[in-house]
Amino acid sequence: RSYAEAFAAFPRVSWSGHCMYCTHCHPCPAEINIADVTKFLNLAVAHN
């Protein structure tokens, strides 16, 4: 299912700096669900 590595290797497209909620950053040593935290952060900022 993972699309992250395919995206990162696209020859004509760059997603640099943009969280895609792909969860490749997991697992976290502190067991944080980084993708969900980032999503809720983005939603809170967007709402305001």
ModelCIF file with pLDDT and N, C-alpha, C, O atoms, coordinates in Angstrom:
data_MODEL
#
_entry.id   MODEL 
#
_entity.id                         1 
_entity.type                       polymer 
_entity.pdbx_number_of_molecules   1 
#
_entity_poly.entity_id                      1 
_entity_poly.type                           'polypeptide(L)' 
_entity_poly.nstd_linkage                   no 
_entity_poly.nstd_monomer                   no 
_entity_poly.pdbx_seq_one_letter_code       RSYAEAFAAFPRVSWSGHCMYCTHCHPCPAEINIADVTKFLNLAVAHN 
_entity_poly.pdbx_seq_one_letter_code_can   RSYAEAFAAFPRVSWSGHCMYCTHCHPCPAEINIADVTKFLNLAVAHN 
_entity_poly.pdbx_strand_id                 A 
#
loop_
_entity_poly_seq.entity_id 
_entity_poly_seq.num 
_entity_poly_seq.mon_id 
_entity_poly_seq.hetero 
1 1  ARG n 
1 2  SER n 
1 3  TYR n 
1 4  ALA n 
1 5  GLU n 
1 6  ALA n 
1 7  PHE n 
1 8  ALA n 
1 9  ALA n 
1 10 PHE n 
1 11 PRO n 
1 12 ARG n 
1 13 VAL n 
1 14 SER n 
1 15 TRP n 
1 16 SER n 
1 17 GLY n 
1 18 HIS n 
1 19 CYS n 
1 20 MET n 
1 21 TYR n 
1 22 CYS n 
1 23 THR n 
1 24 HIS n 
1 25 CYS n 
1 26 HIS n 
1 27 PRO n 
1 28 CYS n 
1 29 PRO n 
1 30 ALA n 
1 31 GLU n 
1 32 ILE n 
1 33 ASN n 
1 34 ILE n 
1 35 ALA n 
1 36 ASP n 
1 37 VAL n 
1 38 THR n 
1 39 LYS n 
1 40 PHE n 
1 41 LEU n 
1 42 ASN n 
1 43 LEU n 
1 44 ALA n 
1 45 VAL n 
1 46 ALA n 
1 47 HIS n 
1 48 ASN n 
#
_struct_asym.id          A 
_struct_asym.entity_id   1 
#
loop_
_ma_qa_metric.id 
_ma_qa_metric.mode 
_ma_qa_metric.name 
_ma_qa_metric.software_group_id 
_ma_qa_metric.type 
1 global pLDDT . pLDDT 
2 local  pLDDT . pLDDT 
#
_ma_qa_metric_global.metric_id      1 
_ma_qa_metric_global.metric_value   84.92 
_ma_qa_metric_global.model_id       1 
_ma_qa_metric_global.ordinal_id     1 
#
loop_
_ma_qa_metric_local.label_asym_id 
_ma_qa_metric_local.label_comp_id 
_ma_qa_metric_local.label_seq_id 
_ma_qa_metric_local.metric_id 
_ma_qa_metric_local.metric_value 
_ma_qa_metric_local.model_id 
_ma_qa_metric_local.ordinal_id 
A ARG 1  2 94.00 1 1  
A SER 2  2 90.00 1 2  
A TYR 3  2 87.00 1 3  
A ALA 4  2 84.00 1 4  
A GLU 5  2 82.00 1 5  
A ALA 6  2 83.00 1 6  
A PHE 7  2 81.00 1 7  
A ALA 8  2 79.00 1 8  
A ALA 9  2 77.00 1 9  
A PHE 10 2 77.00 1 10 
A PRO 11 2 70.00 1 11 
A ARG 12 2 68.00 1 12 
A VAL 13 2 70.00 1 13 
A SER 14 2 69.00 1 14 
A TRP 15 2 72.00 1 15 
A SER 16 2 76.00 1 16 
A GLY 17 2 81.00 1 17 
A HIS 18 2 78.00 1 18 
A CYS 19 2 84.00 1 19 
A MET 20 2 78.00 1 20 
A TYR 21 2 83.00 1 21 
A CYS 22 2 81.00 1 22 
A THR 23 2 84.00 1 23 
A HIS 24 2 84.00 1 24 
A CYS 25 2 90.00 1 25 
A HIS 26 2 89.00 1 26 
A PRO 27 2 91.00 1 27 
A CYS 28 2 95.00 1 28 
A PRO 29 2 95.00 1 29 
A ALA 30 2 95.00 1 30 
A GLU 31 2 95.00 1 31 
A ILE 32 2 96.00 1 32 
A ASN 33 2 93.00 1 33 
A ILE 34 2 95.00 1 34 
A ALA 35 2 90.00 1 35 
A ASP 36 2 90.00 1 36 
A VAL 37 2 94.00 1 37 
A THR 38 2 93.00 1 38 
A LYS 39 2 87.00 1 39 
A PHE 40 2 89.00 1 40 
A LEU 41 2 92.00 1 41 
A ASN 42 2 86.00 1 42 
A LEU 43 2 85.00 1 43 
A ALA 44 2 88.00 1 44 
A VAL 45 2 88.00 1 45 
A ALA 46 2 82.00 1 46 
A HIS 47 2 81.00 1 47 
A ASN 48 2 85.00 1 48 
#
loop_
_atom_site.group_PDB 
_atom_site.id 
_atom_site.type_symbol 
_atom_site.label_atom_id 
_atom_site.label_alt_id 
_atom_site.label_comp_id 
_atom_site.label_asym_id 
_atom_site.label_entity_id 
_atom_site.label_seq_id 
_atom_site.pdbx_PDB_ins_code 
_atom_site.Cartn_x 
_atom_site.Cartn_y 
_atom_site.Cartn_z 
_atom_site.occupancy 
_atom_site.B_iso_or_equiv 
_atom_site.pdbx_formal_charge 
_atom_site.auth_seq_id 
_atom_site.auth_comp_id 
_atom_site.auth_asym_id 
_atom_site.auth_atom_id 
_atom_site.pdbx_PDB_model_num 
ATOM 1   N N  . ARG A 1 1  ? 0.814   -1.220 0.000   1.00 94.00 ? 1  ARG A N  1 
ATOM 2   C CA . ARG A 1 1  ? 0.000   0.000  0.000   1.00 94.00 ? 1  ARG A CA 1 
ATOM 3   C C  . ARG A 1 1  ? 0.849   1.272  0.000   1.00 94.00 ? 1  ARG A C  1 
ATOM 4   O O  . ARG A 1 1  ? 0.387   2.320  -0.452  1.00 94.00 ? 1  ARG A O  1 
ATOM 5   N N  . SER A 1 2  ? 2.061   1.192  0.493   1.00 90.00 ? 2  SER A N  1 
ATOM 6   C CA . SER A 1 2  ? 2.875   2.387  0.710   1.00 90.00 ? 2  SER A CA 1 
ATOM 7   C C  . SER A 1 2  ? 3.226   3.092  -0.597  1.00 90.00 ? 2  SER A C  1 
ATOM 8   O O  . SER A 1 2  ? 3.726   2.474  -1.537  1.00 90.00 ? 2  SER A O  1 
ATOM 9   N N  . TYR A 1 3  ? 2.958   4.380  -0.638  1.00 87.00 ? 3  TYR A N  1 
ATOM 10  C CA . TYR A 1 3  ? 3.253   5.191  -1.820  1.00 87.00 ? 3  TYR A CA 1 
ATOM 11  C C  . TYR A 1 3  ? 4.425   6.146  -1.595  1.00 87.00 ? 3  TYR A C  1 
ATOM 12  O O  . TYR A 1 3  ? 4.863   6.809  -2.535  1.00 87.00 ? 3  TYR A O  1 
ATOM 13  N N  . ALA A 1 4  ? 4.931   6.226  -0.382  1.00 84.00 ? 4  ALA A N  1 
ATOM 14  C CA . ALA A 1 4  ? 5.905   7.260  -0.040  1.00 84.00 ? 4  ALA A CA 1 
ATOM 15  C C  . ALA A 1 4  ? 7.195   7.157  -0.854  1.00 84.00 ? 4  ALA A C  1 
ATOM 16  O O  . ALA A 1 4  ? 7.653   8.149  -1.422  1.00 84.00 ? 4  ALA A O  1 
ATOM 17  N N  . GLU A 1 5  ? 7.773   5.976  -0.909  1.00 82.00 ? 5  GLU A N  1 
ATOM 18  C CA . GLU A 1 5  ? 9.040   5.835  -1.623  1.00 82.00 ? 5  GLU A CA 1 
ATOM 19  C C  . GLU A 1 5  ? 8.861   6.073  -3.120  1.00 82.00 ? 5  GLU A C  1 
ATOM 20  O O  . GLU A 1 5  ? 9.746   6.617  -3.782  1.00 82.00 ? 5  GLU A O  1 
ATOM 21  N N  . ALA A 1 6  ? 7.707   5.661  -3.646  1.00 83.00 ? 6  ALA A N  1 
ATOM 22  C CA . ALA A 1 6  ? 7.431   5.919  -5.061  1.00 83.00 ? 6  ALA A CA 1 
ATOM 23  C C  . ALA A 1 6  ? 7.339   7.420  -5.320  1.00 83.00 ? 6  ALA A C  1 
ATOM 24  O O  . ALA A 1 6  ? 7.880   7.919  -6.306  1.00 83.00 ? 6  ALA A O  1 
ATOM 25  N N  . PHE A 1 7  ? 6.654   8.136  -4.431  1.00 81.00 ? 7  PHE A N  1 
ATOM 26  C CA . PHE A 1 7  ? 6.537   9.592  -4.579  1.00 81.00 ? 7  PHE A CA 1 
ATOM 27  C C  . PHE A 1 7  ? 7.905   10.258 -4.521  1.00 81.00 ? 7  PHE A C  1 
ATOM 28  O O  . PHE A 1 7  ? 8.221   11.126 -5.335  1.00 81.00 ? 7  PHE A O  1 
ATOM 29  N N  . ALA A 1 8  ? 8.705   9.845  -3.558  1.00 79.00 ? 8  ALA A N  1 
ATOM 30  C CA . ALA A 1 8  ? 10.011  10.466 -3.364  1.00 79.00 ? 8  ALA A CA 1 
ATOM 31  C C  . ALA A 1 8  ? 10.924  10.269 -4.572  1.00 79.00 ? 8  ALA A C  1 
ATOM 32  O O  . ALA A 1 8  ? 11.843  11.055 -4.801  1.00 79.00 ? 8  ALA A O  1 
ATOM 33  N N  . ALA A 1 9  ? 10.660  9.211  -5.343  1.00 77.00 ? 9  ALA A N  1 
ATOM 34  C CA . ALA A 1 9  ? 11.513  8.897  -6.490  1.00 77.00 ? 9  ALA A CA 1 
ATOM 35  C C  . ALA A 1 9  ? 10.958  9.425  -7.811  1.00 77.00 ? 9  ALA A C  1 
ATOM 36  O O  . ALA A 1 9  ? 11.572  9.213  -8.857  1.00 77.00 ? 9  ALA A O  1 
ATOM 37  N N  . PHE A 1 10 ? 9.800   10.113 -7.788  1.00 77.00 ? 10 PHE A N  1 
ATOM 38  C CA . PHE A 1 10 ? 9.228   10.610 -9.035  1.00 77.00 ? 10 PHE A CA 1 
ATOM 39  C C  . PHE A 1 10 ? 10.206  11.562 -9.725  1.00 77.00 ? 10 PHE A C  1 
ATOM 40  O O  . PHE A 1 10 ? 10.723  12.477 -9.084  1.00 77.00 ? 10 PHE A O  1 
ATOM 41  N N  . PRO A 1 11 ? 10.469  11.365 -11.012 1.00 70.00 ? 11 PRO A N  1 
ATOM 42  C CA . PRO A 1 11 ? 11.431  12.225 -11.690 1.00 70.00 ? 11 PRO A CA 1 
ATOM 43  C C  . PRO A 1 11 ? 10.923  13.632 -11.984 1.00 70.00 ? 11 PRO A C  1 
ATOM 44  O O  . PRO A 1 11 ? 11.728  14.542 -12.178 1.00 70.00 ? 11 PRO A O  1 
ATOM 45  N N  . ARG A 1 12 ? 9.603   13.834 -12.020 1.00 68.00 ? 12 ARG A N  1 
ATOM 46  C CA . ARG A 1 12 ? 9.066   15.143 -12.412 1.00 68.00 ? 12 ARG A CA 1 
ATOM 47  C C  . ARG A 1 12 ? 8.273   15.834 -11.303 1.00 68.00 ? 12 ARG A C  1 
ATOM 48  O O  . ARG A 1 12 ? 7.655   16.870 -11.545 1.00 68.00 ? 12 ARG A O  1 
ATOM 49  N N  . VAL A 1 13 ? 8.283   15.279 -10.102 1.00 70.00 ? 13 VAL A N  1 
ATOM 50  C CA . VAL A 1 13 ? 7.456   15.813 -9.021  1.00 70.00 ? 13 VAL A CA 1 
ATOM 51  C C  . VAL A 1 13 ? 8.268   15.863 -7.733  1.00 70.00 ? 13 VAL A C  1 
ATOM 52  O O  . VAL A 1 13 ? 9.050   14.957 -7.446  1.00 70.00 ? 13 VAL A O  1 
ATOM 53  N N  . SER A 1 14 ? 8.074   16.931 -6.957  1.00 69.00 ? 14 SER A N  1 
ATOM 54  C CA . SER A 1 14 ? 8.704   17.018 -5.644  1.00 69.00 ? 14 SER A CA 1 
ATOM 55  C C  . SER A 1 14 ? 7.641   17.319 -4.590  1.00 69.00 ? 14 SER A C  1 
ATOM 56  O O  . SER A 1 14 ? 6.788   18.185 -4.782  1.00 69.00 ? 14 SER A O  1 
ATOM 57  N N  . TRP A 1 15 ? 7.705   16.586 -3.467  1.00 72.00 ? 15 TRP A N  1 
ATOM 58  C CA . TRP A 1 15 ? 6.797   16.830 -2.344  1.00 72.00 ? 15 TRP A CA 1 
ATOM 59  C C  . TRP A 1 15 ? 7.585   17.331 -1.127  1.00 72.00 ? 15 TRP A C  1 
ATOM 60  O O  . TRP A 1 15 ? 7.145   17.154 0.009   1.00 72.00 ? 15 TRP A O  1 
ATOM 61  N N  . SER A 1 16 ? 8.718   17.939 -1.355  1.00 76.00 ? 16 SER A N  1 
ATOM 62  C CA . SER A 1 16 ? 9.625   18.312 -0.272  1.00 76.00 ? 16 SER A CA 1 
ATOM 63  C C  . SER A 1 16 ? 8.944   19.206 0.764   1.00 76.00 ? 16 SER A C  1 
ATOM 64  O O  . SER A 1 16 ? 8.303   20.203 0.432   1.00 76.00 ? 16 SER A O  1 
ATOM 65  N N  . GLY A 1 17 ? 9.105   18.816 2.024   1.00 81.00 ? 17 GLY A N  1 
ATOM 66  C CA . GLY A 1 17 ? 8.589   19.605 3.136   1.00 81.00 ? 17 GLY A CA 1 
ATOM 67  C C  . GLY A 1 17 ? 7.124   19.421 3.438   1.00 81.00 ? 17 GLY A C  1 
ATOM 68  O O  . GLY A 1 17 ? 6.600   20.052 4.356   1.00 81.00 ? 17 GLY A O  1 
ATOM 69  N N  . HIS A 1 18 ? 6.448   18.567 2.686   1.00 78.00 ? 18 HIS A N  1 
ATOM 70  C CA . HIS A 1 18 ? 5.001   18.412 2.855   1.00 78.00 ? 18 HIS A CA 1 
ATOM 71  C C  . HIS A 1 18 ? 4.690   17.051 3.456   1.00 78.00 ? 18 HIS A C  1 
ATOM 72  O O  . HIS A 1 18 ? 5.024   16.024 2.865   1.00 78.00 ? 18 HIS A O  1 
ATOM 73  N N  . CYS A 1 19 ? 4.051   17.028 4.631   1.00 84.00 ? 19 CYS A N  1 
ATOM 74  C CA . CYS A 1 19 ? 3.682   15.755 5.260   1.00 84.00 ? 19 CYS A CA 1 
ATOM 75  C C  . CYS A 1 19 ? 2.562   15.104 4.468   1.00 84.00 ? 19 CYS A C  1 
ATOM 76  O O  . CYS A 1 19 ? 1.520   15.711 4.218   1.00 84.00 ? 19 CYS A O  1 
ATOM 77  N N  . MET A 1 20 ? 2.796   13.858 4.078   1.00 78.00 ? 20 MET A N  1 
ATOM 78  C CA . MET A 1 20 ? 1.827   13.105 3.293   1.00 78.00 ? 20 MET A CA 1 
ATOM 79  C C  . MET A 1 20 ? 1.060   12.099 4.156   1.00 78.00 ? 20 MET A C  1 
ATOM 80  O O  . MET A 1 20 ? 0.291   11.296 3.627   1.00 78.00 ? 20 MET A O  1 
ATOM 81  N N  . TYR A 1 21 ? 1.261   12.132 5.487   1.00 83.00 ? 21 TYR A N  1 
ATOM 82  C CA . TYR A 1 21 ? 0.601   11.206 6.421   1.00 83.00 ? 21 TYR A CA 1 
ATOM 83  C C  . TYR A 1 21 ? 0.887   9.754  6.053   1.00 83.00 ? 21 TYR A C  1 
ATOM 84  O O  . TYR A 1 21 ? 0.041   8.882  6.251   1.00 83.00 ? 21 TYR A O  1 
ATOM 85  N N  . CYS A 1 22 ? 2.066   9.497  5.523   1.00 81.00 ? 22 CYS A N  1 
ATOM 86  C CA . CYS A 1 22 ? 2.381   8.168  4.995   1.00 81.00 ? 22 CYS A CA 1 
ATOM 87  C C  . CYS A 1 22 ? 2.883   7.205  6.071   1.00 81.00 ? 22 CYS A C  1 
ATOM 88  O O  . CYS A 1 22 ? 2.936   5.998  5.835   1.00 81.00 ? 22 CYS A O  1 
ATOM 89  N N  . THR A 1 23 ? 3.251   7.717  7.251   1.00 84.00 ? 23 THR A N  1 
ATOM 90  C CA . THR A 1 23 ? 3.715   6.969  8.426   1.00 84.00 ? 23 THR A CA 1 
ATOM 91  C C  . THR A 1 23 ? 5.097   6.349  8.263   1.00 84.00 ? 23 THR A C  1 
ATOM 92  O O  . THR A 1 23 ? 5.476   5.483  9.051   1.00 84.00 ? 23 THR A O  1 
ATOM 93  N N  . HIS A 1 24 ? 5.853   6.772  7.260   1.00 84.00 ? 24 HIS A N  1 
ATOM 94  C CA . HIS A 1 24 ? 7.220   6.260  7.139   1.00 84.00 ? 24 HIS A CA 1 
ATOM 95  C C  . HIS A 1 24 ? 8.097   6.715  8.306   1.00 84.00 ? 24 HIS A C  1 
ATOM 96  O O  . HIS A 1 24 ? 9.142   6.117  8.562   1.00 84.00 ? 24 HIS A O  1 
ATOM 97  N N  . CYS A 1 25 ? 7.687   7.750  9.003   1.00 90.00 ? 25 CYS A N  1 
ATOM 98  C CA . CYS A 1 25 ? 8.445   8.250  10.156  1.00 90.00 ? 25 CYS A CA 1 
ATOM 99  C C  . CYS A 1 25 ? 8.333   7.315  11.366  1.00 90.00 ? 25 CYS A C  1 
ATOM 100 O O  . CYS A 1 25 ? 9.129   7.416  12.300  1.00 90.00 ? 25 CYS A O  1 
ATOM 101 N N  . HIS A 1 26 ? 7.363   6.419  11.356  1.00 89.00 ? 26 HIS A N  1 
ATOM 102 C CA . HIS A 1 26 ? 7.153   5.494  12.479  1.00 89.00 ? 26 HIS A CA 1 
ATOM 103 C C  . HIS A 1 26 ? 8.110   4.308  12.379  1.00 89.00 ? 26 HIS A C  1 
ATOM 104 O O  . HIS A 1 26 ? 8.594   4.008  11.287  1.00 89.00 ? 26 HIS A O  1 
ATOM 105 N N  . PRO A 1 27 ? 8.396   3.623  13.493  1.00 91.00 ? 27 PRO A N  1 
ATOM 106 C CA . PRO A 1 27 ? 7.927   3.879  14.860  1.00 91.00 ? 27 PRO A CA 1 
ATOM 107 C C  . PRO A 1 27 ? 8.759   4.945  15.572  1.00 91.00 ? 27 PRO A C  1 
ATOM 108 O O  . PRO A 1 27 ? 9.939   5.143  15.281  1.00 91.00 ? 27 PRO A O  1 
ATOM 109 N N  . CYS A 1 28 ? 8.113   5.611  16.497  1.00 95.00 ? 28 CYS A N  1 
ATOM 110 C CA . CYS A 1 28 ? 8.762   6.658  17.293  1.00 95.00 ? 28 CYS A CA 1 
ATOM 111 C C  . CYS A 1 28 ? 9.235   6.057  18.618  1.00 95.00 ? 28 CYS A C  1 
ATOM 112 O O  . CYS A 1 28 ? 8.486   5.306  19.243  1.00 95.00 ? 28 CYS A O  1 
ATOM 113 N N  . PRO A 1 29 ? 10.459  6.366  19.062  1.00 95.00 ? 29 PRO A N  1 
ATOM 114 C CA . PRO A 1 29 ? 10.943  5.855  20.359  1.00 95.00 ? 29 PRO A CA 1 
ATOM 115 C C  . PRO A 1 29 ? 10.029  6.222  21.527  1.00 95.00 ? 29 PRO A C  1 
ATOM 116 O O  . PRO A 1 29 ? 9.953   5.496  22.518  1.00 95.00 ? 29 PRO A O  1 
ATOM 117 N N  . ALA A 1 30 ? 9.335   7.358  21.399  1.00 95.00 ? 30 ALA A N  1 
ATOM 118 C CA . ALA A 1 30 ? 8.402   7.788  22.449  1.00 95.00 ? 30 ALA A CA 1 
ATOM 119 C C  . ALA A 1 30 ? 6.983   7.287  22.169  1.00 95.00 ? 30 ALA A C  1 
ATOM 120 O O  . ALA A 1 30 ? 6.050   7.627  22.896  1.00 95.00 ? 30 ALA A O  1 
ATOM 121 N N  . GLU A 1 31 ? 6.818   6.476  21.112  1.00 95.00 ? 31 GLU A N  1 
ATOM 122 C CA . GLU A 1 31 ? 5.548   5.859  20.717  1.00 95.00 ? 31 GLU A CA 1 
ATOM 123 C C  . GLU A 1 31 ? 4.480   6.884  20.333  1.00 95.00 ? 31 GLU A C  1 
ATOM 124 O O  . GLU A 1 31 ? 3.286   6.634  20.500  1.00 95.00 ? 31 GLU A O  1 
ATOM 125 N N  . ILE A 1 32 ? 4.909   8.028  19.821  1.00 96.00 ? 32 ILE A N  1 
ATOM 126 C CA . ILE A 1 32 ? 3.979   9.041  19.325  1.00 96.00 ? 32 ILE A CA 1 
ATOM 127 C C  . ILE A 1 32 ? 3.478   8.630  17.946  1.00 96.00 ? 32 ILE A C  1 
ATOM 128 O O  . ILE A 1 32 ? 4.258   8.193  17.099  1.00 96.00 ? 32 ILE A O  1 
ATOM 129 N N  . ASN A 1 33 ? 2.181   8.773  17.726  1.00 93.00 ? 33 ASN A N  1 
ATOM 130 C CA . ASN A 1 33 ? 1.633   8.592  16.382  1.00 93.00 ? 33 ASN A CA 1 
ATOM 131 C C  . ASN A 1 33 ? 1.856   9.912  15.644  1.00 93.00 ? 33 ASN A C  1 
ATOM 132 O O  . ASN A 1 33 ? 1.005   10.802 15.656  1.00 93.00 ? 33 ASN A O  1 
ATOM 133 N N  . ILE A 1 34 ? 3.006   10.014 15.010  1.00 95.00 ? 34 ILE A N  1 
ATOM 134 C CA . ILE A 1 34 ? 3.444   11.287 14.425  1.00 95.00 ? 34 ILE A CA 1 
ATOM 135 C C  . ILE A 1 34 ? 2.485   11.758 13.341  1.00 95.00 ? 34 ILE A C  1 
ATOM 136 O O  . ILE A 1 34 ? 2.172   12.946 13.260  1.00 95.00 ? 34 ILE A O  1 
ATOM 137 N N  . ALA A 1 35 ? 2.018   10.833 12.508  1.00 90.00 ? 35 ALA A N  1 
ATOM 138 C CA . ALA A 1 35 ? 1.120   11.219 11.411  1.00 90.00 ? 35 ALA A CA 1 
ATOM 139 C C  . ALA A 1 35 ? -0.168  11.828 11.949  1.00 90.00 ? 35 ALA A C  1 
ATOM 140 O O  . ALA A 1 35 ? -0.633  12.841 11.427  1.00 90.00 ? 35 ALA A O  1 
ATOM 141 N N  . ASP A 1 36 ? -0.757  11.225 12.994  1.00 90.00 ? 36 ASP A N  1 
ATOM 142 C CA . ASP A 1 36 ? -2.005  11.753 13.548  1.00 90.00 ? 36 ASP A CA 1 
ATOM 143 C C  . ASP A 1 36 ? -1.782  13.093 14.241  1.00 90.00 ? 36 ASP A C  1 
ATOM 144 O O  . ASP A 1 36 ? -2.590  14.009 14.091  1.00 90.00 ? 36 ASP A O  1 
ATOM 145 N N  . VAL A 1 37 ? -0.698  13.212 14.993  1.00 94.00 ? 37 VAL A N  1 
ATOM 146 C CA . VAL A 1 37 ? -0.401  14.491 15.646  1.00 94.00 ? 37 VAL A CA 1 
ATOM 147 C C  . VAL A 1 37 ? -0.264  15.588 14.601  1.00 94.00 ? 37 VAL A C  1 
ATOM 148 O O  . VAL A 1 37 ? -0.793  16.687 14.769  1.00 94.00 ? 37 VAL A O  1 
ATOM 149 N N  . THR A 1 38 ? 0.448   15.286 13.522  1.00 93.00 ? 38 THR A N  1 
ATOM 150 C CA . THR A 1 38 ? 0.641   16.283 12.458  1.00 93.00 ? 38 THR A CA 1 
ATOM 151 C C  . THR A 1 38 ? -0.672  16.635 11.793  1.00 93.00 ? 38 THR A C  1 
ATOM 152 O O  . THR A 1 38 ? -0.920  17.801 11.485  1.00 93.00 ? 38 THR A O  1 
ATOM 153 N N  . LYS A 1 39 ? -1.523  15.631 11.566  1.00 87.00 ? 39 LYS A N  1 
ATOM 154 C CA . LYS A 1 39 ? -2.816  15.900 10.940  1.00 87.00 ? 39 LYS A CA 1 
ATOM 155 C C  . LYS A 1 39 ? -3.678  16.797 11.821  1.00 87.00 ? 39 LYS A C  1 
ATOM 156 O O  . LYS A 1 39 ? -4.285  17.749 11.330  1.00 87.00 ? 39 LYS A O  1 
ATOM 157 N N  . PHE A 1 40 ? -3.736  16.499 13.129  1.00 89.00 ? 40 PHE A N  1 
ATOM 158 C CA . PHE A 1 40 ? -4.559  17.321 14.013  1.00 89.00 ? 40 PHE A CA 1 
ATOM 159 C C  . PHE A 1 40 ? -3.978  18.729 14.152  1.00 89.00 ? 40 PHE A C  1 
ATOM 160 O O  . PHE A 1 40 ? -4.723  19.698 14.297  1.00 89.00 ? 40 PHE A O  1 
ATOM 161 N N  . LEU A 1 41 ? -2.655  18.839 14.109  1.00 92.00 ? 41 LEU A N  1 
ATOM 162 C CA . LEU A 1 41 ? -2.018  20.151 14.106  1.00 92.00 ? 41 LEU A CA 1 
ATOM 163 C C  . LEU A 1 41 ? -2.454  20.936 12.870  1.00 92.00 ? 41 LEU A C  1 
ATOM 164 O O  . LEU A 1 41 ? -2.871  22.089 12.978  1.00 92.00 ? 41 LEU A O  1 
ATOM 165 N N  . ASN A 1 42 ? -2.356  20.310 11.698  1.00 86.00 ? 42 ASN A N  1 
ATOM 166 C CA . ASN A 1 42 ? -2.718  20.993 10.457  1.00 86.00 ? 42 ASN A CA 1 
ATOM 167 C C  . ASN A 1 42 ? -4.188  21.378 10.426  1.00 86.00 ? 42 ASN A C  1 
ATOM 168 O O  . ASN A 1 42 ? -4.541  22.451 9.938   1.00 86.00 ? 42 ASN A O  1 
ATOM 169 N N  . LEU A 1 43 ? -5.052  20.503 10.948  1.00 85.00 ? 43 LEU A N  1 
ATOM 170 C CA . LEU A 1 43 ? -6.483  20.806 10.972  1.00 85.00 ? 43 LEU A CA 1 
ATOM 171 C C  . LEU A 1 43 ? -6.790  21.981 11.896  1.00 85.00 ? 43 LEU A C  1 
ATOM 172 O O  . LEU A 1 43 ? -7.607  22.839 11.565  1.00 85.00 ? 43 LEU A O  1 
ATOM 173 N N  . ALA A 1 44 ? -6.132  22.018 13.057  1.00 88.00 ? 44 ALA A N  1 
ATOM 174 C CA . ALA A 1 44 ? -6.354  23.117 13.998  1.00 88.00 ? 44 ALA A CA 1 
ATOM 175 C C  . ALA A 1 44 ? -5.902  24.442 13.403  1.00 88.00 ? 44 ALA A C  1 
ATOM 176 O O  . ALA A 1 44 ? -6.596  25.451 13.527  1.00 88.00 ? 44 ALA A O  1 
ATOM 177 N N  . VAL A 1 45 ? -4.744  24.442 12.758  1.00 88.00 ? 45 VAL A N  1 
ATOM 178 C CA . VAL A 1 45 ? -4.227  25.667 12.134  1.00 88.00 ? 45 VAL A CA 1 
ATOM 179 C C  . VAL A 1 45 ? -5.141  26.103 10.996  1.00 88.00 ? 45 VAL A C  1 
ATOM 180 O O  . VAL A 1 45 ? -5.456  27.286 10.870  1.00 88.00 ? 45 VAL A O  1 
ATOM 181 N N  . ALA A 1 46 ? -5.572  25.145 10.160  1.00 82.00 ? 46 ALA A N  1 
ATOM 182 C CA . ALA A 1 46 ? -6.426  25.466 9.019   1.00 82.00 ? 46 ALA A CA 1 
ATOM 183 C C  . ALA A 1 46 ? -7.765  26.037 9.475   1.00 82.00 ? 46 ALA A C  1 
ATOM 184 O O  . ALA A 1 46 ? -8.282  26.968 8.859   1.00 82.00 ? 46 ALA A O  1 
ATOM 185 N N  . HIS A 1 47 ? -8.334  25.486 10.553  1.00 81.00 ? 47 HIS A N  1 
ATOM 186 C CA . HIS A 1 47 ? -9.605  25.989 11.076  1.00 81.00 ? 47 HIS A CA 1 
ATOM 187 C C  . HIS A 1 47 ? -9.482  27.460 11.466  1.00 81.00 ? 47 HIS A C  1 
ATOM 188 O O  . HIS A 1 47 ? -10.351 28.269 11.140  1.00 81.00 ? 47 HIS A O  1 
ATOM 189 N N  . ASN A 1 48 ? -8.418  27.796 12.154  1.00 85.00 ? 48 ASN A N  1 
ATOM 190 C CA . ASN A 1 48 ? -8.229  29.185 12.574  1.00 85.00 ? 48 ASN A CA 1 
ATOM 191 C C  . ASN A 1 48 ? -7.936  30.100 11.399  1.00 85.00 ? 48 ASN A C  1 
ATOM 192 O O  . ASN A 1 48 ? -7.751  31.303 11.584  1.00 85.00 ? 48 ASN A O  1 
#
